[in-house]
């Protein structure tokens, strides 16, 4: 458990840097995705090959890895655009709806039982979004960025459920598959990439590729496989204040009382939803809400 906590802490610190670096460099979202995933996929495959850990994957497991990879790619693309059209802070705040999304997905697809506290959590998150977004007009940069970040959070929230559902595929293989199929997703937009970049842009891309993609996401796959989704979703909120603070300090982004209040409400909604899932069920012998059925699918 201590090792998982340390790995989660390192991953979250690196995750907190993502919106700021994406906003700071001039590379467009397609370039960022292709570069990060190319470097991370090649390096991880080389490491696994050197350790003799490359595994043959059955056809149906390739399909499962493709689902994980394409959702991961979609999560990245929408997040990058959210940060580019609005700000690093808005991207981080919208992504913080991840926790509520995870509970809702658990109810819809994992057989979790809904609780009254989930309604409170959703209302808090909705109220926070109303405060953050000045007008619900997609011609407004903040509104569009918030919508894209929330969509990104929804796709990202599906990943822990899938990683645990398909945990019979070893962690390293799932991580490599996630990167490789996400790269395949981004390759659909390769004609939109731009490579005339300044040295600072290349430095930012290298940090995102190695520090965040290879190291942080590899650690996070390990963490989300070992811990319950309700636990990992609470832990995930640790990167949000760090990302917002970096946006203010490094990029000089304005942080109004209204925006900060909205962020607090959204984060509080997610945390309340997750904490409620840790309470004992009223029915003796029933599993806790938020806890997945982890039996493997029959071979």
C-alpha atoms as a PDB file:
ATOM      1  CA  UNK A   1       0.000   0.000   0.000  1.00  0.00           C
ATOM      2  CA  UNK A   2       2.884   2.397   0.778  1.00  0.00           C
ATOM      3  CA  UNK A   3       4.387   1.751  -2.637  1.00  0.00           C
ATOM      4  CA  UNK A   4       1.060   2.505  -4.310  1.00  0.00           C
ATOM      5  CA  UNK A   5       0.801   5.759  -2.330  1.00  0.00           C
ATOM      6  CA  UNK A   6       4.289   6.873  -3.402  1.00  0.00           C
ATOM      7  CA  UNK A   7       3.607   5.983  -7.025  1.00  0.00           C
ATOM      8  CA  UNK A   8       0.302   7.888  -6.903  1.00  0.00           C
ATOM      9  CA  UNK A   9       2.012  10.972  -5.417  1.00  0.00           C
ATOM     10  CA  UNK A  10       4.684  11.075  -8.136  1.00  0.00           C
ATOM     11  CA  UNK A  11       2.113  10.549 -10.889  1.00  0.00           C
ATOM     12  CA  UNK A  12      -0.158  13.306  -9.565  1.00  0.00           C
ATOM     13  CA  UNK A  13       2.656  15.847  -9.331  1.00  0.00           C
ATOM     14  CA  UNK A  14       3.534  15.170 -12.955  1.00  0.00           C
ATOM     15  CA  UNK A  15      -0.133  15.245 -14.023  1.00  0.00           C
ATOM     16  CA  UNK A  16      -0.475  18.690 -12.470  1.00  0.00           C
ATOM     17  CA  UNK A  17       2.121  20.012 -14.909  1.00  0.00           C
ATOM     18  CA  UNK A  18       0.217  18.898 -18.019  1.00  0.00           C
ATOM     19  CA  UNK A  19      -2.204  21.846 -18.514  1.00  0.00           C
ATOM     20  CA  UNK A  20       0.522  24.420 -17.923  1.00  0.00           C
ATOM     21  CA  UNK A  21       3.028  22.839 -20.331  1.00  0.00           C
ATOM     22  CA  UNK A  22       0.333  22.277 -22.994  1.00  0.00           C
ATOM     23  CA  UNK A  23      -0.699  25.918 -22.706  1.00  0.00           C
ATOM     24  CA  UNK A  24       2.889  27.202 -22.660  1.00  0.00           C
ATOM     25  CA  UNK A  25       4.181  25.505 -25.810  1.00  0.00           C
ATOM     26  CA  UNK A  26       3.096  26.474 -29.327  1.00  0.00           C
ATOM     27  CA  UNK A  27       2.670  22.902 -30.618  1.00  0.00           C
ATOM     28  CA  UNK A  28      -0.945  22.107 -31.528  1.00  0.00           C
ATOM     29  CA  UNK A  29      -2.906  19.262 -29.844  1.00  0.00           C
ATOM     30  CA  UNK A  30      -2.268  16.811 -32.709  1.00  0.00           C
ATOM     31  CA  UNK A  31       1.490  17.404 -32.618  1.00  0.00           C
ATOM     32  CA  UNK A  32       1.581  17.020 -28.836  1.00  0.00           C
ATOM     33  CA  UNK A  33      -0.301  13.724 -28.978  1.00  0.00           C
ATOM     34  CA  UNK A  34       1.715  12.177 -31.799  1.00  0.00           C
ATOM     35  CA  UNK A  35       5.068  13.187 -30.299  1.00  0.00           C
ATOM     36  CA  UNK A  36       4.271  12.118 -26.726  1.00  0.00           C
ATOM     37  CA  UNK A  37       2.841   8.785 -27.712  1.00  0.00           C
ATOM     38  CA  UNK A  38       5.537   7.970 -30.275  1.00  0.00           C
ATOM     39  CA  UNK A  39       8.319   8.515 -27.726  1.00  0.00           C
ATOM     40  CA  UNK A  40       6.493   6.771 -24.885  1.00  0.00           C
ATOM     41  CA  UNK A  41       5.429   3.762 -26.977  1.00  0.00           C
ATOM     42  CA  UNK A  42       8.887   3.162 -28.440  1.00  0.00           C
ATOM     43  CA  UNK A  43      10.672   3.598 -25.103  1.00  0.00           C
ATOM     44  CA  UNK A  44       8.255   1.389 -23.186  1.00  0.00           C
ATOM     45  CA  UNK A  45       8.395  -1.325 -25.868  1.00  0.00           C
ATOM     46  CA  UNK A  46      12.212  -1.210 -25.770  1.00  0.00           C
ATOM     47  CA  UNK A  47      12.253  -1.477 -21.974  1.00  0.00           C
ATOM     48  CA  UNK A  48       9.863  -4.432 -21.998  1.00  0.00           C
ATOM     49  CA  UNK A  49      11.843  -6.140 -24.765  1.00  0.00           C
ATOM     50  CA  UNK A  50      15.099  -5.703 -22.826  1.00  0.00           C
ATOM     51  CA  UNK A  51      13.439  -7.252 -19.774  1.00  0.00           C
ATOM     52  CA  UNK A  52      11.883 -10.053 -21.847  1.00  0.00           C
ATOM     53  CA  UNK A  53       8.442  -8.864 -20.754  1.00  0.00           C
ATOM     54  CA  UNK A  54       6.794  -8.466 -24.146  1.00  0.00           C
ATOM     55  CA  UNK A  55       3.770 -10.742 -24.227  1.00  0.00           C
ATOM     56  CA  UNK A  56       1.726 -12.174 -27.065  1.00  0.00           C
ATOM     57  CA  UNK A  57      -1.816 -10.840 -26.897  1.00  0.00           C
ATOM     58  CA  UNK A  58      -4.877 -12.765 -28.046  1.00  0.00           C
ATOM     59  CA  UNK A  59      -7.118 -11.203 -30.683  1.00  0.00           C
ATOM     60  CA  UNK A  60      -9.973 -10.463 -28.290  1.00  0.00           C
ATOM     61  CA  UNK A  61      -7.540  -8.835 -25.849  1.00  0.00           C
ATOM     62  CA  UNK A  62      -6.204  -6.696 -28.680  1.00  0.00           C
ATOM     63  CA  UNK A  63      -9.760  -5.446 -29.164  1.00  0.00           C
ATOM     64  CA  UNK A  64      -9.973  -4.632 -25.446  1.00  0.00           C
ATOM     65  CA  UNK A  65      -6.661  -2.772 -25.579  1.00  0.00           C
ATOM     66  CA  UNK A  66      -7.911  -0.863 -28.618  1.00  0.00           C
ATOM     67  CA  UNK A  67     -10.932   0.341 -26.630  1.00  0.00           C
ATOM     68  CA  UNK A  68      -8.684   1.489 -23.783  1.00  0.00           C
ATOM     69  CA  UNK A  69      -6.257   3.173 -26.190  1.00  0.00           C
ATOM     70  CA  UNK A  70      -8.860   5.017 -28.219  1.00  0.00           C
ATOM     71  CA  UNK A  71     -10.597   6.308 -25.085  1.00  0.00           C
ATOM     72  CA  UNK A  72      -7.221   7.433 -23.780  1.00  0.00           C
ATOM     73  CA  UNK A  73      -6.480   9.176 -27.081  1.00  0.00           C
ATOM     74  CA  UNK A  74      -9.873  10.895 -27.048  1.00  0.00           C
ATOM     75  CA  UNK A  75      -9.282  12.008 -23.456  1.00  0.00           C
ATOM     76  CA  UNK A  76      -5.978  13.582 -24.461  1.00  0.00           C
ATOM     77  CA  UNK A  77      -7.243  15.305 -27.591  1.00  0.00           C
ATOM     78  CA  UNK A  78     -10.218  16.940 -25.877  1.00  0.00           C
ATOM     79  CA  UNK A  79      -8.089  17.998 -22.889  1.00  0.00           C
ATOM     80  CA  UNK A  80      -5.405  19.563 -25.099  1.00  0.00           C
ATOM     81  CA  UNK A  81      -8.018  21.535 -27.026  1.00  0.00           C
ATOM     82  CA  UNK A  82      -9.712  22.571 -23.772  1.00  0.00           C
ATOM     83  CA  UNK A  83      -6.453  24.056 -22.488  1.00  0.00           C
ATOM     84  CA  UNK A  84      -5.580  25.690 -25.813  1.00  0.00           C
ATOM     85  CA  UNK A  85      -8.948  27.416 -26.303  1.00  0.00           C
ATOM     86  CA  UNK A  86      -9.370  28.522 -22.675  1.00  0.00           C
ATOM     87  CA  UNK A  87      -6.647  28.201 -20.015  1.00  0.00           C
ATOM     88  CA  UNK A  88      -4.673  25.693 -17.965  1.00  0.00           C
ATOM     89  CA  UNK A  89      -6.887  26.419 -14.951  1.00  0.00           C
ATOM     90  CA  UNK A  90     -10.134  25.795 -16.840  1.00  0.00           C
ATOM     91  CA  UNK A  91      -8.724  22.552 -18.243  1.00  0.00           C
ATOM     92  CA  UNK A  92      -7.805  21.366 -14.745  1.00  0.00           C
ATOM     93  CA  UNK A  93     -11.145  22.438 -13.243  1.00  0.00           C
ATOM     94  CA  UNK A  94     -13.191  20.718 -15.956  1.00  0.00           C
ATOM     95  CA  UNK A  95     -11.111  17.567 -15.616  1.00  0.00           C
ATOM     96  CA  UNK A  96     -11.960  17.499 -11.905  1.00  0.00           C
ATOM     97  CA  UNK A  97     -15.458  16.265 -12.808  1.00  0.00           C
ATOM     98  CA  UNK A  98     -13.688  12.907 -13.245  1.00  0.00           C
ATOM     99  CA  UNK A  99     -14.758  11.714  -9.773  1.00  0.00           C
ATOM    100  CA  UNK A 100     -18.481  12.218 -10.297  1.00  0.00           C
ATOM    101  CA  UNK A 101     -18.203  10.631 -13.744  1.00  0.00           C
ATOM    102  CA  UNK A 102     -16.513   7.565 -12.261  1.00  0.00           C
ATOM    103  CA  UNK A 103     -19.345   7.010  -9.786  1.00  0.00           C
ATOM    104  CA  UNK A 104     -21.995   7.466 -12.463  1.00  0.00           C
ATOM    105  CA  UNK A 105     -20.223   5.008 -14.754  1.00  0.00           C
ATOM    106  CA  UNK A 106     -19.951   2.570 -11.867  1.00  0.00           C
ATOM    107  CA  UNK A 107     -23.725   2.726 -11.389  1.00  0.00           C
ATOM    108  CA  UNK A 108     -24.434   2.334 -15.099  1.00  0.00           C
ATOM    109  CA  UNK A 109     -21.934  -0.375 -15.978  1.00  0.00           C
ATOM    110  CA  UNK A 110     -20.518  -1.972 -12.823  1.00  0.00           C
ATOM    111  CA  UNK A 111     -23.699  -2.622 -10.852  1.00  0.00           C
ATOM    112  CA  UNK A 112     -23.021  -0.046  -8.123  1.00  0.00           C
ATOM    113  CA  UNK A 113     -25.999   1.108  -6.071  1.00  0.00           C
ATOM    114  CA  UNK A 114     -26.910   4.827  -6.265  1.00  0.00           C
ATOM    115  CA  UNK A 115     -26.961   6.869  -3.057  1.00  0.00           C
ATOM    116  CA  UNK A 116     -28.573  10.160  -2.117  1.00  0.00           C
ATOM    117  CA  UNK A 117     -25.127  11.666  -1.628  1.00  0.00           C
ATOM    118  CA  UNK A 118     -24.429  11.123  -5.311  1.00  0.00           C
ATOM    119  CA  UNK A 119     -27.301  13.501  -6.127  1.00  0.00           C
ATOM    120  CA  UNK A 120     -25.727  16.089  -3.820  1.00  0.00           C
ATOM    121  CA  UNK A 121     -22.368  15.545  -5.526  1.00  0.00           C
ATOM    122  CA  UNK A 122     -23.837  16.052  -9.007  1.00  0.00           C
ATOM    123  CA  UNK A 123     -25.661  19.206  -7.895  1.00  0.00           C
ATOM    124  CA  UNK A 124     -22.473  20.620  -6.393  1.00  0.00           C
ATOM    125  CA  UNK A 125     -20.505  19.885  -9.556  1.00  0.00           C
ATOM    126  CA  UNK A 126     -23.237  21.449 -11.699  1.00  0.00           C
ATOM    127  CA  UNK A 127     -23.330  24.552  -9.486  1.00  0.00           C
ATOM    128  CA  UNK A 128     -19.554  24.807  -9.761  1.00  0.00           C
ATOM    129  CA  UNK A 129     -19.734  24.662 -13.544  1.00  0.00           C
ATOM    130  CA  UNK A 130     -22.340  27.453 -13.559  1.00  0.00           C
ATOM    131  CA  UNK A 131     -20.004  29.636 -11.506  1.00  0.00           C
ATOM    132  CA  UNK A 132     -16.937  28.926 -13.641  1.00  0.00           C
ATOM    133  CA  UNK A 133     -18.634  29.425 -17.014  1.00  0.00           C
ATOM    134  CA  UNK A 134     -19.706  33.052 -17.524  1.00  0.00           C
ATOM    135  CA  UNK A 135     -22.134  32.187 -20.320  1.00  0.00           C
ATOM    136  CA  UNK A 136     -23.217  28.855 -21.787  1.00  0.00           C
ATOM    137  CA  UNK A 137     -22.364  29.901 -25.314  1.00  0.00           C
ATOM    138  CA  UNK A 138     -19.822  27.767 -27.164  1.00  0.00           C
ATOM    139  CA  UNK A 139     -18.532  30.922 -28.839  1.00  0.00           C
ATOM    140  CA  UNK A 140     -17.175  31.803 -25.402  1.00  0.00           C
ATOM    141  CA  UNK A 141     -13.675  30.366 -24.871  1.00  0.00           C
ATOM    142  CA  UNK A 142     -14.261  29.491 -21.215  1.00  0.00           C
ATOM    143  CA  UNK A 143     -17.526  27.686 -21.944  1.00  0.00           C
ATOM    144  CA  UNK A 144     -16.013  25.713 -24.838  1.00  0.00           C
ATOM    145  CA  UNK A 145     -12.912  24.836 -22.801  1.00  0.00           C
ATOM    146  CA  UNK A 146     -15.037  23.683 -19.879  1.00  0.00           C
ATOM    147  CA  UNK A 147     -17.206  21.495 -22.121  1.00  0.00           C
ATOM    148  CA  UNK A 148     -14.165  19.864 -23.738  1.00  0.00           C
ATOM    149  CA  UNK A 149     -12.469  19.307 -20.362  1.00  0.00           C
ATOM    150  CA  UNK A 150     -15.620  17.683 -18.940  1.00  0.00           C
ATOM    151  CA  UNK A 151     -15.831  15.396 -21.990  1.00  0.00           C
ATOM    152  CA  UNK A 152     -12.164  14.537 -21.471  1.00  0.00           C
ATOM    153  CA  UNK A 153     -12.895  13.700 -17.825  1.00  0.00           C
ATOM    154  CA  UNK A 154     -15.746  11.384 -18.831  1.00  0.00           C
ATOM    155  CA  UNK A 155     -13.498   9.368 -21.141  1.00  0.00           C
ATOM    156  CA  UNK A 156     -10.708   9.260 -18.572  1.00  0.00           C
ATOM    157  CA  UNK A 157     -13.110   8.067 -15.860  1.00  0.00           C
ATOM    158  CA  UNK A 158     -13.913   4.995 -17.938  1.00  0.00           C
ATOM    159  CA  UNK A 159     -10.295   3.798 -17.922  1.00  0.00           C
ATOM    160  CA  UNK A 160     -10.018   2.539 -14.296  1.00  0.00           C
ATOM    161  CA  UNK A 161     -13.177   0.482 -14.804  1.00  0.00           C
ATOM    162  CA  UNK A 162     -11.742  -1.108 -17.941  1.00  0.00           C
ATOM    163  CA  UNK A 163      -8.275  -1.648 -16.463  1.00  0.00           C
ATOM    164  CA  UNK A 164      -9.775  -3.554 -13.536  1.00  0.00           C
ATOM    165  CA  UNK A 165     -12.274  -5.410 -15.693  1.00  0.00           C
ATOM    166  CA  UNK A 166      -9.454  -6.628 -17.951  1.00  0.00           C
ATOM    167  CA  UNK A 167      -6.757  -6.993 -15.302  1.00  0.00           C
ATOM    168  CA  UNK A 168      -6.015 -10.534 -16.553  1.00  0.00           C
ATOM    169  CA  UNK A 169      -3.843  -8.732 -19.123  1.00  0.00           C
ATOM    170  CA  UNK A 170      -0.658  -7.906 -17.231  1.00  0.00           C
ATOM    171  CA  UNK A 171      -0.059  -4.265 -16.303  1.00  0.00           C
ATOM    172  CA  UNK A 172       2.913  -3.659 -18.609  1.00  0.00           C
ATOM    173  CA  UNK A 173       1.035  -5.047 -21.618  1.00  0.00           C
ATOM    174  CA  UNK A 174      -2.035  -2.958 -20.839  1.00  0.00           C
ATOM    175  CA  UNK A 175       0.098   0.165 -20.498  1.00  0.00           C
ATOM    176  CA  UNK A 176       1.884  -0.478 -23.799  1.00  0.00           C
ATOM    177  CA  UNK A 177      -1.426  -1.267 -25.486  1.00  0.00           C
ATOM    178  CA  UNK A 178      -2.966   1.931 -24.129  1.00  0.00           C
ATOM    179  CA  UNK A 179      -0.106   3.991 -25.564  1.00  0.00           C
ATOM    180  CA  UNK A 180       0.098   2.138 -28.881  1.00  0.00           C
ATOM    181  CA  UNK A 181      -3.605   2.306 -29.698  1.00  0.00           C
ATOM    182  CA  UNK A 182      -3.788   5.931 -28.558  1.00  0.00           C
ATOM    183  CA  UNK A 183      -0.955   6.607 -31.012  1.00  0.00           C
ATOM    184  CA  UNK A 184      -2.990   4.854 -33.708  1.00  0.00           C
ATOM    185  CA  UNK A 185      -5.901   7.159 -32.809  1.00  0.00           C
ATOM    186  CA  UNK A 186      -3.718  10.271 -33.145  1.00  0.00           C
ATOM    187  CA  UNK A 187      -2.245   8.987 -36.408  1.00  0.00           C
ATOM    188  CA  UNK A 188      -5.661   9.652 -37.945  1.00  0.00           C
ATOM    189  CA  UNK A 189      -4.800  13.355 -37.603  1.00  0.00           C
ATOM    190  CA  UNK A 190      -1.141  13.176 -38.622  1.00  0.00           C
ATOM    191  CA  UNK A 191      -1.693  15.570 -41.550  1.00  0.00           C
ATOM    192  CA  UNK A 192      -2.689  18.257 -39.050  1.00  0.00           C
ATOM    193  CA  UNK A 193       0.585  18.092 -37.107  1.00  0.00           C
ATOM    194  CA  UNK A 194       3.107  20.936 -37.202  1.00  0.00           C
ATOM    195  CA  UNK A 195       6.846  20.498 -36.583  1.00  0.00           C
ATOM    196  CA  UNK A 196       8.337  23.985 -37.025  1.00  0.00           C
ATOM    197  CA  UNK A 197       8.859  24.469 -33.297  1.00  0.00           C
ATOM    198  CA  UNK A 198      11.111  26.534 -31.034  1.00  0.00           C
ATOM    199  CA  UNK A 199      13.606  24.898 -28.623  1.00  0.00           C
ATOM    200  CA  UNK A 200      11.266  25.601 -25.679  1.00  0.00           C
ATOM    201  CA  UNK A 201       8.493  23.729 -27.485  1.00  0.00           C
ATOM    202  CA  UNK A 202      10.729  20.678 -27.997  1.00  0.00           C
ATOM    203  CA  UNK A 203      11.743  20.745 -24.327  1.00  0.00           C
ATOM    204  CA  UNK A 204       8.084  20.846 -23.313  1.00  0.00           C
ATOM    205  CA  UNK A 205       7.244  17.975 -25.641  1.00  0.00           C
ATOM    206  CA  UNK A 206      10.086  15.866 -24.221  1.00  0.00           C
ATOM    207  CA  UNK A 207       8.882  16.530 -20.681  1.00  0.00           C
ATOM    208  CA  UNK A 208       5.334  15.546 -21.615  1.00  0.00           C
ATOM    209  CA  UNK A 209       6.510  12.433 -23.482  1.00  0.00           C
ATOM    210  CA  UNK A 210       8.950  11.055 -20.926  1.00  0.00           C
ATOM    211  CA  UNK A 211       8.050  12.651 -17.592  1.00  0.00           C
ATOM    212  CA  UNK A 212       4.286  12.489 -17.928  1.00  0.00           C
ATOM    213  CA  UNK A 213       3.372   9.898 -20.564  1.00  0.00           C
ATOM    214  CA  UNK A 214       5.980   7.235 -19.909  1.00  0.00           C
ATOM    215  CA  UNK A 215       6.533   7.682 -16.168  1.00  0.00           C
ATOM    216  CA  UNK A 216       3.325   9.195 -14.750  1.00  0.00           C
ATOM    217  CA  UNK A 217       0.812   7.209 -16.816  1.00  0.00           C
ATOM    218  CA  UNK A 218       2.703   3.958 -16.300  1.00  0.00           C
ATOM    219  CA  UNK A 219       2.587   4.566 -12.548  1.00  0.00           C
ATOM    220  CA  UNK A 220      -1.082   5.532 -12.681  1.00  0.00           C
ATOM    221  CA  UNK A 221      -2.053   2.344 -14.522  1.00  0.00           C
ATOM    222  CA  UNK A 222      -0.377   0.383 -11.694  1.00  0.00           C
ATOM    223  CA  UNK A 223      -2.182   2.448  -9.065  1.00  0.00           C
ATOM    224  CA  UNK A 224      -5.627   2.202 -10.671  1.00  0.00           C
ATOM    225  CA  UNK A 225      -5.206  -1.546 -11.073  1.00  0.00           C
ATOM    226  CA  UNK A 226      -4.364  -2.082  -7.385  1.00  0.00           C
ATOM    227  CA  UNK A 227      -6.769   0.359  -5.711  1.00  0.00           C
ATOM    228  CA  UNK A 228     -10.530   0.734  -5.829  1.00  0.00           C
ATOM    229  CA  UNK A 229     -11.865   3.290  -8.332  1.00  0.00           C
ATOM    230  CA  UNK A 230     -13.380   5.301  -5.461  1.00  0.00           C
ATOM    231  CA  UNK A 231      -9.946   5.549  -3.841  1.00  0.00           C
ATOM    232  CA  UNK A 232      -8.084   6.498  -7.007  1.00  0.00           C
ATOM    233  CA  UNK A 233     -10.655   9.140  -7.926  1.00  0.00           C
ATOM    234  CA  UNK A 234     -10.150  10.849  -4.557  1.00  0.00           C
ATOM    235  CA  UNK A 235      -6.384  10.673  -4.972  1.00  0.00           C
ATOM    236  CA  UNK A 236      -6.664  12.111  -8.472  1.00  0.00           C
ATOM    237  CA  UNK A 237      -7.915  15.425  -7.099  1.00  0.00           C
ATOM    238  CA  UNK A 238      -4.471  16.030  -5.626  1.00  0.00           C
ATOM    239  CA  UNK A 239      -3.189  17.282  -8.986  1.00  0.00           C
ATOM    240  CA  UNK A 240      -5.941  19.889  -9.533  1.00  0.00           C
ATOM    241  CA  UNK A 241      -4.820  22.571  -7.000  1.00  0.00           C
ATOM    242  CA  UNK A 242      -1.244  22.107  -8.187  1.00  0.00           C
ATOM    243  CA  UNK A 243      -2.266  22.630 -11.825  1.00  0.00           C
ATOM    244  CA  UNK A 244      -4.307  25.739 -10.971  1.00  0.00           C
ATOM    245  CA  UNK A 245      -1.474  27.195  -8.865  1.00  0.00           C
ATOM    246  CA  UNK A 246       1.036  26.629 -11.685  1.00  0.00           C
ATOM    247  CA  UNK A 247      -1.327  28.300 -14.151  1.00  0.00           C
ATOM    248  CA  UNK A 248      -1.453  31.394 -11.953  1.00  0.00           C
ATOM    249  CA  UNK A 249       2.247  31.494 -11.031  1.00  0.00           C
ATOM    250  CA  UNK A 250       3.854  30.408 -14.309  1.00  0.00           C
ATOM    251  CA  UNK A 251       1.380  31.648 -16.918  1.00  0.00           C
ATOM    252  CA  UNK A 252      -0.098  34.580 -15.006  1.00  0.00           C
ATOM    253  CA  UNK A 253      -3.649  33.350 -15.545  1.00  0.00           C
ATOM    254  CA  UNK A 254      -6.303  35.308 -13.633  1.00  0.00           C
ATOM    255  CA  UNK A 255      -7.997  33.459 -10.790  1.00  0.00           C
ATOM    256  CA  UNK A 256     -11.196  35.198  -9.740  1.00  0.00           C
ATOM    257  CA  UNK A 257     -13.201  34.457  -6.607  1.00  0.00           C
ATOM    258  CA  UNK A 258     -16.006  33.160  -8.824  1.00  0.00           C
ATOM    259  CA  UNK A 259     -13.715  30.739 -10.671  1.00  0.00           C
ATOM    260  CA  UNK A 260     -12.103  29.551  -7.448  1.00  0.00           C
ATOM    261  CA  UNK A 261     -15.508  29.025  -5.828  1.00  0.00           C
ATOM    262  CA  UNK A 262     -16.678  27.017  -8.822  1.00  0.00           C
ATOM    263  CA  UNK A 263     -13.544  24.878  -8.698  1.00  0.00           C
ATOM    264  CA  UNK A 264     -14.087  24.189  -4.985  1.00  0.00           C
ATOM    265  CA  UNK A 265     -17.700  23.122  -5.613  1.00  0.00           C
ATOM    266  CA  UNK A 266     -16.761  20.786  -8.472  1.00  0.00           C
ATOM    267  CA  UNK A 267     -13.942  19.194  -6.482  1.00  0.00           C
ATOM    268  CA  UNK A 268     -16.158  18.937  -3.381  1.00  0.00           C
ATOM    269  CA  UNK A 269     -18.841  17.191  -5.430  1.00  0.00           C
ATOM    270  CA  UNK A 270     -16.391  14.586  -6.659  1.00  0.00           C
ATOM    271  CA  UNK A 271     -14.878  14.002  -3.228  1.00  0.00           C
ATOM    272  CA  UNK A 272     -18.303  13.680  -1.555  1.00  0.00           C
ATOM    273  CA  UNK A 273     -19.381  11.179  -4.185  1.00  0.00           C
ATOM    274  CA  UNK A 274     -16.275   9.109  -3.612  1.00  0.00           C
ATOM    275  CA  UNK A 275     -16.356   9.296   0.183  1.00  0.00           C
ATOM    276  CA  UNK A 276     -19.972   8.134   0.167  1.00  0.00           C
ATOM    277  CA  UNK A 277     -18.898   4.997  -1.670  1.00  0.00           C
ATOM    278  CA  UNK A 278     -16.567   4.102   1.198  1.00  0.00           C
ATOM    279  CA  UNK A 279     -19.398   3.924   3.740  1.00  0.00           C
ATOM    280  CA  UNK A 280     -20.856   0.481   4.575  1.00  0.00           C
ATOM    281  CA  UNK A 281     -23.900  -0.555   2.661  1.00  0.00           C
ATOM    282  CA  UNK A 282     -27.182  -0.619   4.563  1.00  0.00           C
ATOM    283  CA  UNK A 283     -27.739  -4.189   3.475  1.00  0.00           C
ATOM    284  CA  UNK A 284     -25.573  -6.691   5.330  1.00  0.00           C
ATOM    285  CA  UNK A 285     -23.429  -8.747   3.046  1.00  0.00           C
ATOM    286  CA  UNK A 286     -23.801  -6.472   0.044  1.00  0.00           C
ATOM    287  CA  UNK A 287     -20.655  -5.102  -1.576  1.00  0.00           C
ATOM    288  CA  UNK A 288     -19.784  -1.460  -1.196  1.00  0.00           C
ATOM    289  CA  UNK A 289     -20.920   1.016  -3.849  1.00  0.00           C
ATOM    290  CA  UNK A 290     -17.988   1.991  -6.024  1.00  0.00           C
ATOM    291  CA  UNK A 291     -16.405  -1.451  -5.720  1.00  0.00           C
ATOM    292  CA  UNK A 292     -16.168  -3.322  -8.981  1.00  0.00           C
ATOM    293  CA  UNK A 293     -16.831  -6.946  -9.708  1.00  0.00           C
ATOM    294  CA  UNK A 294     -13.287  -7.943 -10.550  1.00  0.00           C
ATOM    295  CA  UNK A 295     -13.862 -11.496 -11.702  1.00  0.00           C
ATOM    296  CA  UNK A 296     -12.128 -12.102 -14.976  1.00  0.00           C
ATOM    297  CA  UNK A 297     -14.143 -12.792 -18.050  1.00  0.00           C
ATOM    298  CA  UNK A 298     -14.155 -16.461 -18.990  1.00  0.00           C
ATOM    299  CA  UNK A 299     -11.359 -17.452 -21.354  1.00  0.00           C
END
